[in-house]
N, C-alpha and C. Protein backbone atom coordinates (compact mmCIF):
# COMPACT_ATOMS: atom_id res chain seq x y z
N MET A 1 -43.71 65.84 -92.98
CA MET A 1 -42.56 66.03 -92.19
C MET A 1 -42.59 66.13 -90.58
N LEU A 2 -41.67 65.55 -90.07
CA LEU A 2 -41.52 65.09 -89.77
C LEU A 2 -41.80 65.99 -87.49
N ARG A 3 -42.67 65.56 -87.12
CA ARG A 3 -42.22 66.26 -86.07
C ARG A 3 -41.51 66.50 -85.11
N LEU A 4 -41.44 67.42 -83.17
CA LEU A 4 -40.76 67.49 -82.96
C LEU A 4 -40.97 66.73 -81.81
N ASP A 5 -42.06 66.92 -80.90
CA ASP A 5 -42.24 65.81 -80.49
C ASP A 5 -43.07 64.95 -80.59
N HIS A 6 -43.05 64.46 -81.45
CA HIS A 6 -42.86 62.66 -82.21
C HIS A 6 -42.37 62.34 -82.10
N PHE A 7 -41.20 63.17 -82.28
CA PHE A 7 -39.30 62.66 -82.60
C PHE A 7 -38.79 62.35 -80.84
N GLY A 8 -39.45 63.77 -80.03
CA GLY A 8 -38.93 63.40 -78.93
C GLY A 8 -40.10 62.10 -78.03
N SER A 9 -40.43 61.89 -78.12
CA SER A 9 -41.68 60.24 -78.29
C SER A 9 -40.59 59.40 -77.88
N ARG A 10 -40.10 59.33 -79.15
CA ARG A 10 -39.64 58.08 -80.10
C ARG A 10 -38.38 58.09 -78.96
N LEU A 11 -37.60 58.92 -79.40
CA LEU A 11 -35.91 59.61 -78.46
C LEU A 11 -35.93 58.44 -76.88
N ALA A 12 -37.11 58.97 -76.56
CA ALA A 12 -37.41 59.33 -74.90
C ALA A 12 -37.64 56.78 -74.40
N GLY A 13 -38.32 56.58 -75.72
CA GLY A 13 -38.71 55.09 -76.17
C GLY A 13 -37.58 53.77 -75.88
N THR A 14 -36.57 54.88 -76.76
CA THR A 14 -35.45 54.37 -77.28
C THR A 14 -34.52 54.18 -75.80
N LEU A 15 -34.69 55.13 -75.15
CA LEU A 15 -33.17 55.87 -74.00
C LEU A 15 -33.78 54.41 -72.66
N LEU A 16 -35.29 54.29 -72.54
CA LEU A 16 -35.88 53.70 -71.77
C LEU A 16 -35.88 52.00 -72.31
N ALA A 17 -35.78 52.12 -73.66
CA ALA A 17 -35.83 49.95 -73.99
C ALA A 17 -33.82 50.76 -73.34
N VAL A 18 -33.74 51.12 -73.99
CA VAL A 18 -31.24 50.78 -73.61
C VAL A 18 -31.98 50.54 -71.78
N ALA A 19 -32.40 51.67 -71.33
CA ALA A 19 -32.52 51.55 -69.61
C ALA A 19 -32.63 49.97 -69.29
N MET A 20 -33.14 49.39 -69.60
CA MET A 20 -33.83 48.52 -69.29
C MET A 20 -33.08 47.24 -69.87
N ALA A 21 -32.41 47.48 -71.05
CA ALA A 21 -31.87 46.57 -71.86
C ALA A 21 -30.46 45.98 -70.25
N GLY A 22 -30.28 47.60 -69.45
CA GLY A 22 -29.54 47.31 -68.79
C GLY A 22 -29.69 46.65 -67.54
N VAL A 23 -30.29 47.11 -67.12
CA VAL A 23 -31.23 45.62 -65.74
C VAL A 23 -30.99 44.46 -65.43
N GLN A 24 -31.41 44.29 -66.67
CA GLN A 24 -31.26 42.35 -66.85
C GLN A 24 -30.13 41.93 -66.97
N PRO A 25 -28.72 42.18 -67.63
CA PRO A 25 -27.25 41.70 -66.73
C PRO A 25 -27.39 41.51 -65.92
N VAL A 26 -28.00 42.77 -64.66
CA VAL A 26 -27.73 43.31 -63.81
C VAL A 26 -28.19 41.78 -62.51
N MET A 27 -29.94 41.78 -63.18
CA MET A 27 -30.27 40.41 -62.50
C MET A 27 -29.89 39.24 -62.76
N ALA A 28 -29.34 39.12 -64.28
CA ALA A 28 -29.05 37.82 -64.49
C ALA A 28 -27.30 37.31 -63.97
N GLN A 29 -27.02 38.64 -62.85
CA GLN A 29 -26.01 38.40 -62.26
C GLN A 29 -25.97 37.33 -59.92
N ASP A 30 -27.22 37.95 -59.98
CA ASP A 30 -28.09 36.88 -59.13
C ASP A 30 -27.70 35.94 -59.31
N SER A 31 -28.23 34.97 -60.50
CA SER A 31 -28.60 33.82 -60.31
C SER A 31 -27.06 33.95 -60.62
N CYS A 32 -25.74 32.57 -60.16
CA CYS A 32 -24.47 31.53 -61.15
C CYS A 32 -24.94 30.97 -61.21
N GLY A 33 -24.22 30.82 -62.55
CA GLY A 33 -24.58 29.75 -63.92
C GLY A 33 -23.33 28.71 -63.21
N LEU A 34 -22.58 28.94 -62.65
CA LEU A 34 -20.72 28.37 -62.43
C LEU A 34 -21.19 27.53 -61.04
N CYS A 35 -22.37 27.91 -59.62
CA CYS A 35 -22.03 27.56 -58.81
C CYS A 35 -22.17 25.95 -58.53
N ALA A 36 -22.74 25.60 -57.15
CA ALA A 36 -22.85 24.22 -57.26
C ALA A 36 -23.81 24.17 -57.34
N ARG A 37 -24.56 23.61 -56.64
CA ARG A 37 -26.74 23.06 -57.08
C ARG A 37 -26.68 22.53 -56.47
N THR A 38 -25.88 21.67 -55.08
CA THR A 38 -25.08 20.80 -54.19
C THR A 38 -24.16 20.18 -53.96
N ILE A 39 -23.78 20.25 -52.09
CA ILE A 39 -22.52 19.39 -51.34
C ILE A 39 -22.43 18.76 -51.11
N VAL A 40 -21.59 17.80 -50.96
CA VAL A 40 -21.96 16.47 -48.97
C VAL A 40 -20.58 16.70 -49.22
N ILE A 41 -21.18 17.41 -47.26
CA ILE A 41 -19.98 17.18 -46.42
C ILE A 41 -20.31 16.47 -45.15
N ASP A 42 -19.25 16.37 -44.69
CA ASP A 42 -18.76 15.35 -43.41
C ASP A 42 -18.10 16.24 -42.48
N SER A 43 -18.08 16.29 -41.87
CA SER A 43 -17.73 16.75 -40.08
C SER A 43 -15.79 18.08 -40.25
N ALA A 44 -15.08 16.18 -40.08
CA ALA A 44 -13.95 16.85 -41.00
C ALA A 44 -14.21 19.08 -41.84
N LEU A 45 -14.94 18.55 -43.11
CA LEU A 45 -14.55 19.03 -44.25
C LEU A 45 -15.71 20.28 -43.90
N ALA A 46 -16.28 20.00 -42.69
CA ALA A 46 -16.97 21.12 -41.86
C ALA A 46 -16.92 22.14 -41.60
N GLN A 47 -15.64 21.65 -40.66
CA GLN A 47 -15.55 22.45 -39.36
C GLN A 47 -13.92 23.11 -40.28
N CYS A 48 -13.75 22.62 -41.56
CA CYS A 48 -12.38 23.60 -42.44
C CYS A 48 -13.73 24.69 -42.83
N PHE A 49 -14.49 24.07 -43.17
CA PHE A 49 -15.32 25.46 -43.89
C PHE A 49 -15.19 26.06 -43.19
N LEU A 50 -15.96 26.11 -41.55
CA LEU A 50 -16.12 27.33 -41.12
C LEU A 50 -14.61 28.08 -40.66
N ASP A 51 -14.01 26.81 -40.50
CA ASP A 51 -12.73 28.09 -40.00
C ASP A 51 -11.47 28.75 -41.86
N ARG A 52 -12.20 29.24 -43.19
CA ARG A 52 -11.79 29.49 -43.46
C ARG A 52 -13.51 30.20 -44.72
N TYR A 53 -15.09 29.95 -43.43
CA TYR A 53 -16.04 30.83 -43.85
C TYR A 53 -15.36 32.26 -43.58
N ALA A 54 -14.54 33.30 -42.76
CA ALA A 54 -13.95 34.76 -42.31
C ALA A 54 -13.56 34.35 -44.10
N GLN A 55 -12.55 33.73 -45.01
CA GLN A 55 -11.88 34.02 -45.91
C GLN A 55 -12.70 34.71 -46.82
N LEU A 56 -13.56 32.78 -46.77
CA LEU A 56 -14.13 32.73 -47.62
C LEU A 56 -14.97 33.82 -48.47
N THR A 57 -15.82 34.42 -47.64
CA THR A 57 -16.78 35.97 -47.34
C THR A 57 -16.10 37.48 -48.10
N ALA A 58 -14.81 37.20 -47.72
CA ALA A 58 -14.22 38.98 -47.38
C ALA A 58 -13.77 38.59 -49.44
N ARG A 59 -13.96 37.83 -49.86
CA ARG A 59 -13.64 37.95 -50.69
C ARG A 59 -14.69 38.82 -51.66
N VAL A 60 -14.05 40.00 -52.99
CA VAL A 60 -15.30 40.85 -53.31
C VAL A 60 -15.49 40.36 -54.33
N ALA A 61 -16.37 39.29 -55.03
CA ALA A 61 -16.49 38.18 -55.76
C ALA A 61 -18.63 37.77 -56.08
N ASN A 62 -18.74 38.15 -56.86
CA ASN A 62 -19.83 36.91 -57.55
C ASN A 62 -20.40 35.96 -56.55
N ALA A 63 -18.85 35.07 -57.18
CA ALA A 63 -18.20 33.55 -56.41
C ALA A 63 -16.92 33.43 -56.32
N VAL A 64 -17.06 32.26 -55.48
CA VAL A 64 -15.93 32.30 -54.64
C VAL A 64 -15.31 30.62 -55.04
N ALA A 65 -14.29 30.30 -55.69
CA ALA A 65 -13.83 28.56 -55.12
C ALA A 65 -13.36 28.63 -54.83
N VAL A 66 -13.98 27.38 -53.98
CA VAL A 66 -13.92 26.99 -52.21
C VAL A 66 -13.24 25.38 -52.66
N ASN A 67 -11.92 25.84 -51.72
CA ASN A 67 -11.78 24.17 -52.31
C ASN A 67 -10.55 24.09 -50.98
N LEU A 68 -11.97 22.45 -50.85
CA LEU A 68 -10.84 21.47 -49.19
C LEU A 68 -10.52 20.37 -49.49
N GLU A 69 -9.67 20.57 -50.10
CA GLU A 69 -8.70 19.14 -51.25
C GLU A 69 -8.04 19.62 -49.55
N ASP A 70 -6.57 20.38 -49.03
CA ASP A 70 -5.70 20.20 -48.45
C ASP A 70 -6.38 20.43 -46.66
N CYS A 71 -7.70 19.96 -46.46
CA CYS A 71 -8.07 20.25 -45.80
C CYS A 71 -7.68 18.94 -44.18
N GLU A 72 -7.29 18.09 -45.15
CA GLU A 72 -6.97 17.45 -44.27
C GLU A 72 -5.80 17.25 -43.85
N THR A 73 -5.29 18.06 -44.34
CA THR A 73 -3.39 18.49 -44.78
C THR A 73 -2.82 19.09 -43.66
N ASP A 74 -4.21 20.33 -43.21
CA ASP A 74 -3.53 21.68 -42.79
C ASP A 74 -2.85 21.51 -41.46
N ARG A 75 -2.78 20.41 -40.63
CA ARG A 75 -2.34 20.58 -40.07
C ARG A 75 -0.60 20.28 -39.89
N GLY A 76 -0.11 19.71 -41.34
CA GLY A 76 0.97 18.63 -41.64
C GLY A 76 1.18 17.22 -41.07
N VAL A 77 -0.33 16.38 -40.58
CA VAL A 77 -0.27 15.27 -40.40
C VAL A 77 -1.35 15.17 -42.12
N VAL A 78 -1.19 13.42 -42.92
CA VAL A 78 -2.30 13.37 -42.72
C VAL A 78 -2.64 12.46 -43.10
N ALA A 79 -4.63 12.40 -42.98
CA ALA A 79 -5.04 12.15 -42.63
C ALA A 79 -5.64 10.57 -43.15
N ALA A 80 -5.66 9.47 -42.29
CA ALA A 80 -5.80 7.89 -42.72
C ALA A 80 -7.32 8.02 -44.31
N LEU A 81 -7.17 6.89 -44.83
CA LEU A 81 -7.75 6.33 -45.83
C LEU A 81 -9.79 6.53 -45.30
N ARG A 82 -10.22 7.87 -45.52
CA ARG A 82 -12.07 7.22 -45.29
C ARG A 82 -12.58 5.20 -45.44
N PRO A 83 -12.86 5.25 -44.67
CA PRO A 83 -13.22 3.34 -44.55
C PRO A 83 -14.89 3.75 -45.15
N PRO A 84 -15.12 2.97 -46.08
CA PRO A 84 -15.67 2.74 -47.48
C PRO A 84 -16.81 2.93 -45.62
N GLN A 85 -18.10 4.13 -46.70
CA GLN A 85 -19.22 4.25 -46.45
C GLN A 85 -20.16 3.60 -46.99
N ALA A 86 -21.33 2.88 -46.84
CA ALA A 86 -22.33 2.46 -46.99
C ALA A 86 -23.12 3.58 -47.45
N GLY A 87 -23.82 3.70 -48.89
CA GLY A 87 -25.11 4.15 -49.31
C GLY A 87 -23.61 5.79 -49.02
N ALA A 88 -22.81 5.87 -48.45
CA ALA A 88 -22.70 7.80 -48.54
C ALA A 88 -22.04 8.03 -49.66
N GLU A 89 -22.62 9.53 -49.89
CA GLU A 89 -21.38 9.80 -51.02
C GLU A 89 -20.11 10.51 -50.76
N PRO A 90 -19.27 10.67 -51.70
CA PRO A 90 -18.07 11.35 -51.32
C PRO A 90 -17.81 12.34 -51.57
N PRO A 91 -17.41 12.94 -50.36
CA PRO A 91 -17.89 14.00 -50.01
C PRO A 91 -17.07 15.59 -51.46
N THR A 92 -17.67 16.09 -51.24
CA THR A 92 -17.70 17.84 -52.27
C THR A 92 -16.46 18.88 -51.88
N LEU A 93 -15.02 17.23 -52.11
CA LEU A 93 -14.31 19.10 -52.14
C LEU A 93 -13.77 20.61 -52.67
N ARG A 94 -14.46 20.17 -53.84
CA ARG A 94 -14.10 21.72 -54.70
C ARG A 94 -14.73 22.32 -55.41
N PHE A 95 -15.59 22.90 -55.43
CA PHE A 95 -17.29 23.58 -55.88
C PHE A 95 -17.13 25.34 -55.48
N ILE A 96 -18.15 25.94 -56.90
CA ILE A 96 -18.16 27.59 -56.37
C ILE A 96 -19.64 26.98 -56.42
N ALA A 97 -19.59 28.58 -55.30
CA ALA A 97 -20.94 29.03 -54.49
C ALA A 97 -20.67 30.48 -54.42
N SER A 98 -22.65 31.08 -53.77
CA SER A 98 -21.85 32.64 -53.54
C SER A 98 -22.33 32.79 -53.01
N LEU A 99 -21.92 33.61 -52.30
CA LEU A 99 -21.81 34.41 -50.86
C LEU A 99 -22.54 34.07 -50.78
N ALA A 100 -24.50 34.45 -50.86
CA ALA A 100 -25.90 33.52 -50.32
C ALA A 100 -25.64 32.05 -49.78
N GLN A 101 -25.04 31.39 -51.17
CA GLN A 101 -24.98 29.74 -50.82
C GLN A 101 -23.73 29.90 -49.43
N LEU A 102 -22.67 30.32 -50.01
CA LEU A 102 -21.62 29.93 -48.47
C LEU A 102 -22.59 30.27 -47.93
N GLU A 103 -22.89 31.35 -46.76
CA GLU A 103 -23.78 31.78 -45.38
C GLU A 103 -25.42 30.43 -45.14
N CYS A 104 -25.90 29.71 -46.72
CA CYS A 104 -26.35 29.03 -46.12
C CYS A 104 -25.73 27.95 -45.93
N ILE A 105 -24.61 27.02 -46.18
CA ILE A 105 -23.81 26.26 -46.21
C ILE A 105 -23.52 26.37 -44.72
N LYS A 106 -22.90 27.24 -43.63
CA LYS A 106 -22.21 28.10 -43.30
C LYS A 106 -23.85 27.62 -42.16
N ALA A 107 -24.82 27.74 -42.32
CA ALA A 107 -26.32 27.76 -41.34
C ALA A 107 -27.00 25.85 -41.52
N LYS A 108 -26.34 26.20 -42.81
CA LYS A 108 -27.12 24.31 -42.32
C LYS A 108 -25.93 23.08 -41.43
N ILE A 109 -24.73 23.57 -41.15
CA ILE A 109 -23.38 22.67 -40.93
C ILE A 109 -23.54 23.60 -39.11
N GLU A 110 -24.34 24.29 -39.00
CA GLU A 110 -24.15 25.07 -37.30
C GLU A 110 -25.08 24.91 -37.25
N GLU A 111 -26.56 24.50 -37.76
CA GLU A 111 -27.78 24.24 -36.92
C GLU A 111 -27.54 22.97 -36.20
N PRO A 112 -28.21 23.34 -35.12
CA PRO A 112 -27.82 21.97 -32.94
C PRO A 112 -28.59 21.21 -34.37
N GLY A 113 -28.18 19.50 -33.44
CA GLY A 113 -28.76 18.13 -34.46
C GLY A 113 -28.40 17.57 -35.65
N VAL A 114 -27.42 18.83 -36.31
CA VAL A 114 -27.09 17.92 -37.09
C VAL A 114 -26.43 16.93 -37.21
N VAL A 115 -26.80 15.99 -38.33
CA VAL A 115 -25.92 15.02 -37.96
C VAL A 115 -25.10 15.13 -39.59
N LEU A 116 -24.18 15.09 -39.29
CA LEU A 116 -22.49 15.53 -40.55
C LEU A 116 -21.94 14.31 -40.91
N ASP A 117 -21.59 13.22 -40.15
CA ASP A 117 -21.79 11.96 -40.75
C ASP A 117 -22.29 10.74 -40.73
N PRO A 118 -22.59 9.66 -41.72
CA PRO A 118 -21.16 9.55 -42.66
C PRO A 118 -20.82 10.67 -43.29
N SER A 119 -22.01 12.41 -43.93
CA SER A 119 -22.38 12.76 -45.01
C SER A 119 -23.27 13.28 -44.72
N LEU A 120 -23.32 15.05 -45.25
CA LEU A 120 -24.96 15.73 -45.28
C LEU A 120 -24.82 16.03 -46.82
N THR A 121 -26.26 16.60 -46.70
CA THR A 121 -26.07 16.79 -48.59
C THR A 121 -26.32 18.06 -48.49
N ILE A 122 -26.15 19.39 -48.96
CA ILE A 122 -27.16 20.68 -48.53
C ILE A 122 -27.22 20.41 -50.53
N ASN A 123 -28.66 20.44 -49.78
CA ASN A 123 -29.69 21.79 -51.69
C ASN A 123 -29.24 22.81 -51.29
N LEU A 124 -28.01 23.72 -52.70
CA LEU A 124 -27.72 24.37 -52.86
C LEU A 124 -29.09 26.02 -53.44
N ASP A 125 -29.88 24.91 -54.35
CA ASP A 125 -31.02 24.57 -54.61
C ASP A 125 -31.67 25.95 -53.66
N ALA A 126 -31.93 25.45 -52.25
CA ALA A 126 -32.64 25.38 -51.45
C ALA A 126 -32.61 26.96 -50.85
N CYS A 127 -31.45 27.23 -50.79
CA CYS A 127 -30.66 28.16 -50.04
C CYS A 127 -31.45 29.65 -50.86
């Protein structure tokens, strides 16, 4: 016959396993699988990012889609084509980032003495 205290301990073990399984997805949400690993930014895009920072971080989401493609036309003036830069990577105009990564980008581009031109590559994995 099945003893009641044995059944109770099995039930408690099962409930503990279910509770622990529920913890795993929460931890997995901390890392963003779609988020960018690195971005390349220049001074014009950095200023545009800072201008939009409050709006970007006000969203209630684990990940935020950032689109800086229209930054050069925000004021109704189309910017001249960028001259080719030797060895410079093209800037990242669209990317997905977590709120922590957005904070990291802001901190990096606001560092005293940071060189943004021709461009700055920010490793978001190191944030």
